[in-house]
Amino acid sequence: MAFTLRREPGRRCAPLDSGAVKPADSSTSVSPQELCEIACAVAREAADQVRVRRADLFPATGRRADDAAVSTKSTPTDPVTVADTESERLIRGLLAVVRPHDAILGEEEGGADALADGVRWVVDPIDGTVNFLYGVPAYAVSVAAQVDGVSQAGAVVDVARGVTYWAWLGGGAWCAGPNEEPRRLTANPVDDVALALVATGFGYSPIRRRAQGELLAALLPQIRDVRRMGAAALDLCMVAAGAVDAHFEHGLAPWDWAAGGLIAAEAGARVVLPPAQSSSADGHATVAVAPGIADDFLALLTDIDGLRQLPE
């Protein structure tokens, strides 16, 4: 397994090249932009594999219920596929080449739950696995680099559309599709919370789903509408890109928000994240909202007790 990163003057998040191995400096002095270049390259490589494996494993739409490639995790409605595990192993292998001394926390294989000295990579090999199973074109690969629990850089690749979103701390948020020039992202200039289009998601336990449904019922009459895409990392990037005005969800794990939360924040959104060492079981709220409605939207959530932890 060998790759290097090609840096092009005037471009950000350059594509990955196959070729000679050029390990990066593994010290904590590496810049956020350098970490972002690595995150982009690794996430794109994994997304390419996921795209190919989707065609290999499942029909173009729908899935075979008896397919041996699918198992479950926390509940029967929480699936994992062989493509998830393959993607994470690829990401871990690529990171081992360029950042061999860094810690890694991944959704499928676990790892550094405690905050590591130096850089910790936080990886979601396929965010939106249910969509991946059914052929719904909303699933992503997410790769972030954290120091002391704070995301320094991150990349999210929308696999089906081939769009990459990325950001590094202090460097702004960006996106580009295939053969496109990078475009800087800015959250929507909306200033009336009643016109907010809000993305959300639901947990897998019936208890939490019931509580989330009650919160949504209280919120819905006070906003424009809701969208449920089924991939939190993409929801956060959509806030950054102005495709929605806000996202809120309870029970996200670090790999769900580590990259997307930074991308939303660097696009100017107000972002509320769970503690860096929290797990999905803790039920903390994650919020990203366009700045012009941030105060009012957070006030709405407070009024309906929507910022409390929701148990599983």
C-alpha atoms as a PDB file:
ATOM      1  CA  MET A   1       0.000   0.000   0.000  1.00  0.00           C
ATOM      2  CA  ALA A   2       1.713   3.180  -1.128  1.00  0.00           C
ATOM      3  CA  PHE A   3       0.614   6.677  -1.918  1.00  0.00           C
ATOM      4  CA  THR A   4       1.781  10.231  -1.720  1.00  0.00           C
ATOM      5  CA  LEU A   5       0.041  13.576  -1.693  1.00  0.00           C
ATOM      6  CA  ARG A   6       0.388  15.924  -4.631  1.00  0.00           C
ATOM      7  CA  ARG A   7       0.297  19.604  -3.698  1.00  0.00           C
ATOM      8  CA  GLU A   8      -0.637  21.993  -6.476  1.00  0.00           C
ATOM      9  CA  PRO A   9      -0.035  25.765  -6.160  1.00  0.00           C
ATOM     10  CA  GLY A  10      -3.265  27.653  -5.667  1.00  0.00           C
ATOM     11  CA  ARG A  11      -5.305  24.494  -4.994  1.00  0.00           C
ATOM     12  CA  ARG A  12      -6.476  23.031  -1.737  1.00  0.00           C
ATOM     13  CA  CYS A  13      -6.956  19.420  -0.822  1.00  0.00           C
ATOM     14  CA  ALA A  14      -5.063  18.082  -3.839  1.00  0.00           C
ATOM     15  CA  PRO A  15      -5.903  14.617  -5.177  1.00  0.00           C
ATOM     16  CA  LEU A  16      -4.149  11.451  -4.140  1.00  0.00           C
ATOM     17  CA  ASP A  17      -1.461   9.992  -6.386  1.00  0.00           C
ATOM     18  CA  SER A  18      -0.354   6.387  -6.474  1.00  0.00           C
ATOM     19  CA  GLY A  19       3.397   6.124  -6.316  1.00  0.00           C
ATOM     20  CA  ALA A  20       6.278   6.195  -3.906  1.00  0.00           C
ATOM     21  CA  VAL A  21       5.577   6.350  -0.199  1.00  0.00           C
ATOM     22  CA  LYS A  22       6.391   9.708   1.349  1.00  0.00           C
ATOM     23  CA  PRO A  23       5.527   9.511   5.046  1.00  0.00           C
ATOM     24  CA  ALA A  24       4.560  12.799   6.633  1.00  0.00           C
ATOM     25  CA  ASP A  25       6.131  14.181   9.790  1.00  0.00           C
ATOM     26  CA  SER A  26       4.311  12.477  12.678  1.00  0.00           C
ATOM     27  CA  SER A  27       4.968  15.232  15.210  1.00  0.00           C
ATOM     28  CA  THR A  28       2.183  17.369  16.650  1.00  0.00           C
ATOM     29  CA  SER A  29       3.712  20.387  14.880  1.00  0.00           C
ATOM     30  CA  VAL A  30       2.127  19.355  11.592  1.00  0.00           C
ATOM     31  CA  SER A  31      -0.161  22.112  10.350  1.00  0.00           C
ATOM     32  CA  PRO A  32      -3.959  21.789  10.136  1.00  0.00           C
ATOM     33  CA  GLN A  33      -3.749  22.314   6.364  1.00  0.00           C
ATOM     34  CA  GLU A  34      -1.310  19.397   6.002  1.00  0.00           C
ATOM     35  CA  LEU A  35      -3.631  17.221   8.060  1.00  0.00           C
ATOM     36  CA  CYS A  36      -6.492  18.312   5.820  1.00  0.00           C
ATOM     37  CA  GLU A  37      -4.620  17.265   2.692  1.00  0.00           C
ATOM     38  CA  ILE A  38      -4.132  13.830   4.213  1.00  0.00           C
ATOM     39  CA  ALA A  39      -7.775  13.598   5.303  1.00  0.00           C
ATOM     40  CA  CYS A  40      -8.978  14.493   1.796  1.00  0.00           C
ATOM     41  CA  ALA A  41      -6.713  12.035   0.058  1.00  0.00           C
ATOM     42  CA  VAL A  42      -7.553   9.163   2.393  1.00  0.00           C
ATOM     43  CA  ALA A  43     -11.299   9.856   2.355  1.00  0.00           C
ATOM     44  CA  ARG A  44     -11.367  10.018  -1.457  1.00  0.00           C
ATOM     45  CA  GLU A  45      -9.471   6.754  -1.771  1.00  0.00           C
ATOM     46  CA  ALA A  46     -11.907   5.044   0.599  1.00  0.00           C
ATOM     47  CA  ALA A  47     -14.899   6.583  -1.191  1.00  0.00           C
ATOM     48  CA  ASP A  48     -13.682   5.174  -4.499  1.00  0.00           C
ATOM     49  CA  GLN A  49     -13.569   1.707  -2.936  1.00  0.00           C
ATOM     50  CA  VAL A  50     -17.017   2.083  -1.344  1.00  0.00           C
ATOM     51  CA  ARG A  51     -18.478   3.146  -4.689  1.00  0.00           C
ATOM     52  CA  VAL A  52     -17.104   0.045  -6.405  1.00  0.00           C
ATOM     53  CA  ARG A  53     -18.189  -2.277  -3.591  1.00  0.00           C
ATOM     54  CA  ARG A  54     -21.764  -0.941  -3.657  1.00  0.00           C
ATOM     55  CA  ALA A  55     -22.089  -2.212  -7.214  1.00  0.00           C
ATOM     56  CA  ASP A  56     -20.420  -5.513  -6.294  1.00  0.00           C
ATOM     57  CA  LEU A  57     -22.521  -6.307  -3.227  1.00  0.00           C
ATOM     58  CA  PHE A  58     -26.029  -5.066  -3.922  1.00  0.00           C
ATOM     59  CA  PRO A  59     -28.466  -4.316  -6.732  1.00  0.00           C
ATOM     60  CA  ALA A  60     -28.611  -0.776  -8.065  1.00  0.00           C
ATOM     61  CA  THR A  61     -31.559  -0.098  -5.735  1.00  0.00           C
ATOM     62  CA  GLY A  62     -32.745  -2.177  -2.837  1.00  0.00           C
ATOM     63  CA  ARG A  63     -30.866  -4.983  -1.131  1.00  0.00           C
ATOM     64  CA  ARG A  64     -31.106  -8.732  -0.815  1.00  0.00           C
ATOM     65  CA  ALA A  65     -32.479  -9.466   2.657  1.00  0.00           C
ATOM     66  CA  ASP A  66     -30.499 -12.687   2.923  1.00  0.00           C
ATOM     67  CA  ASP A  67     -27.192 -11.166   1.802  1.00  0.00           C
ATOM     68  CA  ALA A  68     -24.347 -12.524   3.922  1.00  0.00           C
ATOM     69  CA  ALA A  69     -22.536  -9.191   3.539  1.00  0.00           C
ATOM     70  CA  VAL A  70     -24.854  -7.582   6.129  1.00  0.00           C
ATOM     71  CA  SER A  71     -24.840  -7.948   9.917  1.00  0.00           C
ATOM     72  CA  THR A  72     -26.119  -5.775  12.774  1.00  0.00           C
ATOM     73  CA  LYS A  73     -24.606  -3.839  15.678  1.00  0.00           C
ATOM     74  CA  SER A  74     -26.563  -2.185  18.500  1.00  0.00           C
ATOM     75  CA  THR A  75     -30.049  -3.245  17.334  1.00  0.00           C
ATOM     76  CA  PRO A  76     -31.544  -5.219  14.422  1.00  0.00           C
ATOM     77  CA  THR A  77     -32.118  -1.871  12.646  1.00  0.00           C
ATOM     78  CA  ASP A  78     -28.443  -0.815  13.000  1.00  0.00           C
ATOM     79  CA  PRO A  79     -26.613  -2.584  10.166  1.00  0.00           C
ATOM     80  CA  VAL A  80     -22.970  -2.973   9.222  1.00  0.00           C
ATOM     81  CA  THR A  81     -21.759  -4.313   5.890  1.00  0.00           C
ATOM     82  CA  VAL A  82     -18.568  -5.901   4.719  1.00  0.00           C
ATOM     83  CA  ALA A  83     -17.975  -2.650   2.833  1.00  0.00           C
ATOM     84  CA  ASP A  84     -17.901  -0.727   6.141  1.00  0.00           C
ATOM     85  CA  THR A  85     -15.170  -2.941   7.548  1.00  0.00           C
ATOM     86  CA  GLU A  86     -13.217  -2.983   4.295  1.00  0.00           C
ATOM     87  CA  SER A  87     -13.360   0.795   4.065  1.00  0.00           C
ATOM     88  CA  GLU A  88     -12.124   1.282   7.614  1.00  0.00           C
ATOM     89  CA  ARG A  89      -9.257  -1.157   7.112  1.00  0.00           C
ATOM     90  CA  LEU A  90      -8.242   0.710   3.963  1.00  0.00           C
ATOM     91  CA  ILE A  91      -8.309   4.040   5.807  1.00  0.00           C
ATOM     92  CA  ARG A  92      -6.279   2.657   8.694  1.00  0.00           C
ATOM     93  CA  GLY A  93      -3.720   1.252   6.281  1.00  0.00           C
ATOM     94  CA  LEU A  94      -3.376   4.529   4.389  1.00  0.00           C
ATOM     95  CA  LEU A  95      -2.994   6.519   7.593  1.00  0.00           C
ATOM     96  CA  ALA A  96      -0.373   4.072   8.823  1.00  0.00           C
ATOM     97  CA  VAL A  97       1.736   4.966   5.781  1.00  0.00           C
ATOM     98  CA  VAL A  98       1.737   8.741   6.233  1.00  0.00           C
ATOM     99  CA  ARG A  99       1.042   9.089   9.978  1.00  0.00           C
ATOM    100  CA  PRO A 100       2.327   5.860  11.520  1.00  0.00           C
ATOM    101  CA  HIS A 101       2.459   7.124  15.116  1.00  0.00           C
ATOM    102  CA  ASP A 102      -0.996   8.689  15.313  1.00  0.00           C
ATOM    103  CA  ALA A 103      -3.951   7.201  17.190  1.00  0.00           C
ATOM    104  CA  ILE A 104      -7.122   6.196  15.351  1.00  0.00           C
ATOM    105  CA  LEU A 105     -10.738   5.932  16.508  1.00  0.00           C
ATOM    106  CA  GLY A 106     -13.015   4.204  14.005  1.00  0.00           C
ATOM    107  CA  GLU A 107     -16.684   3.288  14.070  1.00  0.00           C
ATOM    108  CA  GLU A 108     -16.162  -0.367  13.224  1.00  0.00           C
ATOM    109  CA  GLU A 109     -12.845  -1.294  14.861  1.00  0.00           C
ATOM    110  CA  GLY A 110     -12.833   1.125  17.786  1.00  0.00           C
ATOM    111  CA  GLY A 111      -9.473   2.330  19.013  1.00  0.00           C
ATOM    112  CA  ALA A 112      -8.432   5.448  20.888  1.00  0.00           C
ATOM    113  CA  ASP A 113     -11.535   6.355  22.910  1.00  0.00           C
ATOM    114  CA  ALA A 114      -9.379   8.303  25.351  1.00  0.00           C
ATOM    115  CA  LEU A 115      -7.897  11.498  23.998  1.00  0.00           C
ATOM    116  CA  ALA A 116      -4.478  10.672  22.641  1.00  0.00           C
ATOM    117  CA  ASP A 117      -1.288  12.680  22.970  1.00  0.00           C
ATOM    118  CA  GLY A 118      -0.656  14.173  19.555  1.00  0.00           C
ATOM    119  CA  VAL A 119      -3.017  13.550  16.649  1.00  0.00           C
ATOM    120  CA  ARG A 120      -6.061  11.270  16.802  1.00  0.00           C
ATOM    121  CA  TRP A 121      -7.823  10.377  13.555  1.00  0.00           C
ATOM    122  CA  VAL A 122     -11.579   9.876  13.837  1.00  0.00           C
ATOM    123  CA  VAL A 123     -13.027   7.756  11.047  1.00  0.00           C
ATOM    124  CA  ASP A 124     -16.482   6.837   9.789  1.00  0.00           C
ATOM    125  CA  PRO A 125     -15.897   4.397   6.910  1.00  0.00           C
ATOM    126  CA  ILE A 126     -19.507   4.676   5.705  1.00  0.00           C
ATOM    127  CA  ASP A 127     -21.813   7.224   7.289  1.00  0.00           C
ATOM    128  CA  GLY A 128     -25.329   6.327   6.210  1.00  0.00           C
ATOM    129  CA  THR A 129     -25.016   2.549   6.002  1.00  0.00           C
ATOM    130  CA  VAL A 130     -28.793   2.031   5.702  1.00  0.00           C
ATOM    131  CA  ASN A 131     -28.823   4.345   2.676  1.00  0.00           C
ATOM    132  CA  PHE A 132     -25.861   2.408   1.271  1.00  0.00           C
ATOM    133  CA  LEU A 133     -27.799  -0.848   1.681  1.00  0.00           C
ATOM    134  CA  TYR A 134     -30.922   0.373  -0.039  1.00  0.00           C
ATOM    135  CA  GLY A 135     -29.247   2.355  -2.788  1.00  0.00           C
ATOM    136  CA  VAL A 136     -30.357   5.738  -1.458  1.00  0.00           C
ATOM    137  CA  PRO A 137     -27.621   8.092  -2.763  1.00  0.00           C
ATOM    138  CA  ALA A 138     -26.767   9.743   0.570  1.00  0.00           C
ATOM    139  CA  TYR A 139     -23.801   8.080   2.261  1.00  0.00           C
ATOM    140  CA  ALA A 140     -20.307   9.297   2.936  1.00  0.00           C
ATOM    141  CA  VAL A 141     -16.795   8.623   4.131  1.00  0.00           C
ATOM    142  CA  SER A 142     -15.662  10.905   6.953  1.00  0.00           C
ATOM    143  CA  VAL A 143     -12.065  11.389   8.138  1.00  0.00           C
ATOM    144  CA  ALA A 144     -10.975  13.955  10.751  1.00  0.00           C
ATOM    145  CA  ALA A 145      -7.785  14.771  12.639  1.00  0.00           C
ATOM    146  CA  GLN A 146      -8.092  15.937  16.234  1.00  0.00           C
ATOM    147  CA  VAL A 147      -5.611  17.293  18.769  1.00  0.00           C
ATOM    148  CA  ASP A 148      -6.729  17.294  22.417  1.00  0.00           C
ATOM    149  CA  GLY A 149     -10.223  16.403  21.264  1.00  0.00           C
ATOM    150  CA  VAL A 150     -10.547  19.424  18.959  1.00  0.00           C
ATOM    151  CA  SER A 151     -10.883  18.820  15.241  1.00  0.00           C
ATOM    152  CA  GLN A 152      -8.009  20.417  13.346  1.00  0.00           C
ATOM    153  CA  ALA A 153      -8.930  19.143   9.886  1.00  0.00           C
ATOM    154  CA  GLY A 154     -11.558  17.007   8.250  1.00  0.00           C
ATOM    155  CA  ALA A 155     -12.935  15.711   4.977  1.00  0.00           C
ATOM    156  CA  VAL A 156     -16.306  14.224   4.082  1.00  0.00           C
ATOM    157  CA  VAL A 157     -16.836  12.610   0.692  1.00  0.00           C
ATOM    158  CA  ASP A 158     -20.378  12.246  -0.642  1.00  0.00           C
ATOM    159  CA  VAL A 159     -19.752   8.886  -2.296  1.00  0.00           C
ATOM    160  CA  ALA A 160     -22.661   8.755  -4.733  1.00  0.00           C
ATOM    161  CA  ARG A 161     -22.150  12.293  -6.065  1.00  0.00           C
ATOM    162  CA  GLY A 162     -18.358  12.309  -5.838  1.00  0.00           C
ATOM    163  CA  VAL A 163     -18.342  15.618  -3.950  1.00  0.00           C
ATOM    164  CA  THR A 164     -15.668  16.288  -1.320  1.00  0.00           C
ATOM    165  CA  TYR A 165     -16.182  18.725   1.552  1.00  0.00           C
ATOM    166  CA  TRP A 166     -13.202  19.759   3.640  1.00  0.00           C
ATOM    167  CA  ALA A 167     -11.930  22.246   6.188  1.00  0.00           C
ATOM    168  CA  TRP A 168      -9.011  22.929   8.448  1.00  0.00           C
ATOM    169  CA  LEU A 169      -9.038  25.037  11.585  1.00  0.00           C
ATOM    170  CA  GLY A 170      -8.876  28.680  10.556  1.00  0.00           C
ATOM    171  CA  GLY A 171      -8.751  27.847   6.843  1.00  0.00           C
ATOM    172  CA  GLY A 172     -12.413  28.026   5.900  1.00  0.00           C
ATOM    173  CA  ALA A 173     -14.680  25.323   4.495  1.00  0.00           C
ATOM    174  CA  TRP A 174     -14.550  24.146   0.898  1.00  0.00           C
ATOM    175  CA  CYS A 175     -16.098  21.680  -1.515  1.00  0.00           C
ATOM    176  CA  ALA A 176     -15.494  20.389  -5.023  1.00  0.00           C
ATOM    177  CA  GLY A 177     -17.089  17.829  -7.268  1.00  0.00           C
ATOM    178  CA  PRO A 178     -15.330  15.808  -9.956  1.00  0.00           C
ATOM    179  CA  ASN A 179     -13.275  18.077 -12.229  1.00  0.00           C
ATOM    180  CA  GLU A 180     -14.465  21.187 -10.359  1.00  0.00           C
ATOM    181  CA  GLU A 181     -12.449  24.002  -8.876  1.00  0.00           C
ATOM    182  CA  PRO A 182     -12.728  24.283  -5.068  1.00  0.00           C
ATOM    183  CA  ARG A 183     -15.578  26.498  -3.886  1.00  0.00           C
ATOM    184  CA  ARG A 184     -15.577  28.209  -0.499  1.00  0.00           C
ATOM    185  CA  LEU A 185     -18.636  27.423   1.598  1.00  0.00           C
ATOM    186  CA  THR A 186     -20.740  29.863   3.589  1.00  0.00           C
ATOM    187  CA  ALA A 187     -23.806  29.044   5.653  1.00  0.00           C
ATOM    188  CA  ASN A 188     -27.070  30.581   4.478  1.00  0.00           C
ATOM    189  CA  PRO A 189     -27.838  34.251   5.286  1.00  0.00           C
ATOM    190  CA  VAL A 190     -31.325  33.335   6.582  1.00  0.00           C
ATOM    191  CA  ASP A 191     -32.487  35.574   9.440  1.00  0.00           C
ATOM    192  CA  ASP A 192     -35.989  34.257  10.215  1.00  0.00           C
ATOM    193  CA  VAL A 193     -36.112  30.978  12.129  1.00  0.00           C
ATOM    194  CA  ALA A 194     -39.668  30.409  10.893  1.00  0.00           C
ATOM    195  CA  LEU A 195     -38.170  29.933   7.418  1.00  0.00           C
ATOM    196  CA  ALA A 196     -35.479  27.486   8.522  1.00  0.00           C
ATOM    197  CA  LEU A 197     -35.109  24.190   6.694  1.00  0.00           C
ATOM    198  CA  VAL A 198     -33.809  21.804   9.355  1.00  0.00           C
ATOM    199  CA  ALA A 199     -32.081  18.454   8.921  1.00  0.00           C
ATOM    200  CA  THR A 200     -32.304  15.861  11.650  1.00  0.00           C
ATOM    201  CA  GLY A 201     -31.842  12.168  12.324  1.00  0.00           C
ATOM    202  CA  PHE A 202     -32.963   9.444  14.672  1.00  0.00           C
ATOM    203  CA  GLY A 203     -31.243   6.893  16.874  1.00  0.00           C
ATOM    204  CA  TYR A 204     -31.734   3.149  16.724  1.00  0.00           C
ATOM    205  CA  SER A 205     -33.272   2.461  20.143  1.00  0.00           C
ATOM    206  CA  PRO A 206     -37.080   2.748  20.410  1.00  0.00           C
ATOM    207  CA  ILE A 207     -36.825   4.822  23.601  1.00  0.00           C
ATOM    208  CA  ARG A 208     -34.640   7.470  22.020  1.00  0.00           C
ATOM    209  CA  ARG A 209     -36.644   7.482  18.794  1.00  0.00           C
ATOM    210  CA  ARG A 210     -39.837   8.172  20.727  1.00  0.00           C
ATOM    211  CA  ALA A 211     -38.217  11.117  22.519  1.00  0.00           C
ATOM    212  CA  GLN A 212     -36.786  12.445  19.258  1.00  0.00           C
ATOM    213  CA  GLY A 213     -40.188  12.205  17.615  1.00  0.00           C
ATOM    214  CA  GLU A 214     -41.760  14.200  20.446  1.00  0.00           C
ATOM    215  CA  LEU A 215     -39.133  16.917  20.096  1.00  0.00           C
ATOM    216  CA  LEU A 216     -39.655  17.073  16.350  1.00  0.00           C
ATOM    217  CA  ALA A 217     -43.414  17.368  16.786  1.00  0.00           C
ATOM    218  CA  ALA A 218     -42.854  20.379  19.053  1.00  0.00           C
ATOM    219  CA  LEU A 219     -40.331  21.994  16.723  1.00  0.00           C
ATOM    220  CA  LEU A 220     -42.001  21.430  13.345  1.00  0.00           C
ATOM    221  CA  PRO A 221     -44.787  24.056  13.666  1.00  0.00           C
ATOM    222  CA  GLN A 222     -42.151  26.733  14.352  1.00  0.00           C
ATOM    223  CA  ILE A 223     -39.880  26.218  11.291  1.00  0.00           C
ATOM    224  CA  ARG A 224     -40.221  25.886   7.522  1.00  0.00           C
ATOM    225  CA  ASP A 225     -39.795  22.097   7.278  1.00  0.00           C
ATOM    226  CA  VAL A 226     -37.514  19.180   8.117  1.00  0.00           C
ATOM    227  CA  ARG A 227     -35.316  16.851   6.095  1.00  0.00           C
ATOM    228  CA  ARG A 228     -34.041  13.445   7.181  1.00  0.00           C
ATOM    229  CA  MET A 229     -31.155  12.344   4.941  1.00  0.00           C
ATOM    230  CA  GLY A 230     -29.820   9.547   7.127  1.00  0.00           C
ATOM    231  CA  ALA A 231     -26.156  10.602   7.202  1.00  0.00           C
ATOM    232  CA  ALA A 232     -25.204  13.120   9.885  1.00  0.00           C
ATOM    233  CA  ALA A 233     -21.818  13.969   8.346  1.00  0.00           C
ATOM    234  CA  LEU A 234     -23.587  14.996   5.136  1.00  0.00           C
ATOM    235  CA  ASP A 235     -26.216  16.942   7.100  1.00  0.00           C
ATOM    236  CA  LEU A 236     -23.460  19.010   8.717  1.00  0.00           C
ATOM    237  CA  CYS A 237     -21.843  19.626   5.339  1.00  0.00           C
ATOM    238  CA  MET A 238     -25.222  20.680   3.963  1.00  0.00           C
ATOM    239  CA  VAL A 239     -25.424  23.353   6.653  1.00  0.00           C
ATOM    240  CA  ALA A 240     -21.992  24.547   5.504  1.00  0.00           C
ATOM    241  CA  ALA A 241     -23.075  24.554   1.860  1.00  0.00           C
ATOM    242  CA  GLY A 242     -26.422  26.253   2.490  1.00  0.00           C
ATOM    243  CA  ALA A 243     -28.470  23.243   1.383  1.00  0.00           C
ATOM    244  CA  VAL A 244     -30.202  23.345   4.785  1.00  0.00           C
ATOM    245  CA  ASP A 245     -30.246  26.043   7.439  1.00  0.00           C
ATOM    246  CA  ALA A 246     -29.705  23.874  10.511  1.00  0.00           C
ATOM    247  CA  HIS A 247     -29.067  20.355  11.718  1.00  0.00           C
ATOM    248  CA  PHE A 248     -29.782  18.890  15.131  1.00  0.00           C
ATOM    249  CA  GLU A 249     -29.592  15.336  16.374  1.00  0.00           C
ATOM    250  CA  HIS A 250     -29.055  13.455  19.621  1.00  0.00           C
ATOM    251  CA  GLY A 251     -26.691  10.568  20.214  1.00  0.00           C
ATOM    252  CA  LEU A 252     -24.065  11.149  17.544  1.00  0.00           C
ATOM    253  CA  ALA A 253     -20.671   9.541  18.077  1.00  0.00           C
ATOM    254  CA  PRO A 254     -17.380  11.409  17.471  1.00  0.00           C
ATOM    255  CA  TRP A 255     -16.974   9.892  13.989  1.00  0.00           C
ATOM    256  CA  ASP A 256     -20.349  11.372  13.015  1.00  0.00           C
ATOM    257  CA  TRP A 257     -19.418  14.977  13.817  1.00  0.00           C
ATOM    258  CA  ALA A 258     -15.601  15.254  13.969  1.00  0.00           C
ATOM    259  CA  ALA A 259     -15.199  16.269  10.306  1.00  0.00           C
ATOM    260  CA  GLY A 260     -18.654  17.636   9.484  1.00  0.00           C
ATOM    261  CA  GLY A 261     -18.835  19.779  12.619  1.00  0.00           C
ATOM    262  CA  LEU A 262     -15.571  21.499  11.731  1.00  0.00           C
ATOM    263  CA  ILE A 263     -16.703  22.028   8.132  1.00  0.00           C
ATOM    264  CA  ALA A 264     -19.952  23.646   9.324  1.00  0.00           C
ATOM    265  CA  ALA A 265     -18.121  25.854  11.831  1.00  0.00           C
ATOM    266  CA  GLU A 266     -15.559  26.994   9.256  1.00  0.00           C
ATOM    267  CA  ALA A 267     -18.469  27.939   6.968  1.00  0.00           C
ATOM    268  CA  GLY A 268     -19.716  30.314   9.665  1.00  0.00           C
ATOM    269  CA  ALA A 269     -22.367  28.129  11.308  1.00  0.00           C
ATOM    270  CA  ARG A 270     -22.884  28.128  15.061  1.00  0.00           C
ATOM    271  CA  VAL A 271     -21.975  24.609  16.169  1.00  0.00           C
ATOM    272  CA  VAL A 272     -22.708  22.820  19.448  1.00  0.00           C
ATOM    273  CA  LEU A 273     -20.862  19.520  19.792  1.00  0.00           C
ATOM    274  CA  PRO A 274     -20.900  16.700  22.353  1.00  0.00           C
ATOM    275  CA  PRO A 275     -17.892  16.307  24.656  1.00  0.00           C
ATOM    276  CA  ALA A 276     -14.934  14.843  22.768  1.00  0.00           C
ATOM    277  CA  GLN A 277     -14.977  11.631  24.808  1.00  0.00           C
ATOM    278  CA  SER A 278     -18.738  11.057  24.639  1.00  0.00           C
ATOM    279  CA  SER A 279     -20.365   8.089  22.953  1.00  0.00           C
ATOM    280  CA  SER A 280     -23.647   7.722  21.134  1.00  0.00           C
ATOM    281  CA  ALA A 281     -25.125   6.115  24.262  1.00  0.00           C
ATOM    282  CA  ASP A 282     -24.718   9.387  26.161  1.00  0.00           C
ATOM    283  CA  GLY A 283     -27.340  11.040  23.976  1.00  0.00           C
ATOM    284  CA  HIS A 284     -25.832  14.531  23.750  1.00  0.00           C
ATOM    285  CA  ALA A 285     -27.228  16.985  21.217  1.00  0.00           C
ATOM    286  CA  THR A 286     -25.273  18.051  18.143  1.00  0.00           C
ATOM    287  CA  VAL A 287     -26.393  21.324  16.559  1.00  0.00           C
ATOM    288  CA  ALA A 288     -25.174  23.308  13.562  1.00  0.00           C
ATOM    289  CA  VAL A 289     -27.150  26.374  12.513  1.00  0.00           C
ATOM    290  CA  ALA A 290     -26.722  29.341  10.193  1.00  0.00           C
ATOM    291  CA  PRO A 291     -25.491  32.357  12.164  1.00  0.00           C
ATOM    292  CA  GLY A 292     -28.425  34.665  11.417  1.00  0.00           C
ATOM    293  CA  ILE A 293     -30.905  32.349  13.163  1.00  0.00           C
ATOM    294  CA  ALA A 294     -28.563  30.702  15.676  1.00  0.00           C
ATOM    295  CA  ASP A 295     -29.829  32.522  18.769  1.00  0.00           C
ATOM    296  CA  ASP A 296     -33.491  31.985  17.893  1.00  0.00           C
ATOM    297  CA  PHE A 297     -33.032  28.342  16.896  1.00  0.00           C
ATOM    298  CA  LEU A 298     -31.124  27.489  20.071  1.00  0.00           C
ATOM    299  CA  ALA A 299     -33.817  29.308  22.047  1.00  0.00           C
ATOM    300  CA  LEU A 300     -36.483  27.180  20.349  1.00  0.00           C
ATOM    301  CA  LEU A 301     -34.579  24.036  21.268  1.00  0.00           C
ATOM    302  CA  THR A 302     -34.213  25.256  24.833  1.00  0.00           C
ATOM    303  CA  ASP A 303     -37.949  26.007  25.069  1.00  0.00           C
ATOM    304  CA  ILE A 304     -38.811  22.418  24.059  1.00  0.00           C
ATOM    305  CA  ASP A 305     -36.016  20.990  26.239  1.00  0.00           C
ATOM    306  CA  GLY A 306     -34.321  19.859  23.066  1.00  0.00           C
ATOM    307  CA  LEU A 307     -30.741  20.294  24.253  1.00  0.00           C
ATOM    308  CA  ARG A 308     -31.005  17.731  27.037  1.00  0.00           C
ATOM    309  CA  GLN A 309     -29.373  14.317  26.810  1.00  0.00           C
ATOM    310  CA  LEU A 310     -31.715  11.638  25.496  1.00  0.00           C
ATOM    311  CA  PRO A 311     -31.223   8.141  26.955  1.00  0.00           C
ATOM    312  CA  GLU A 312     -31.199   5.036  24.803  1.00  0.00           C
END
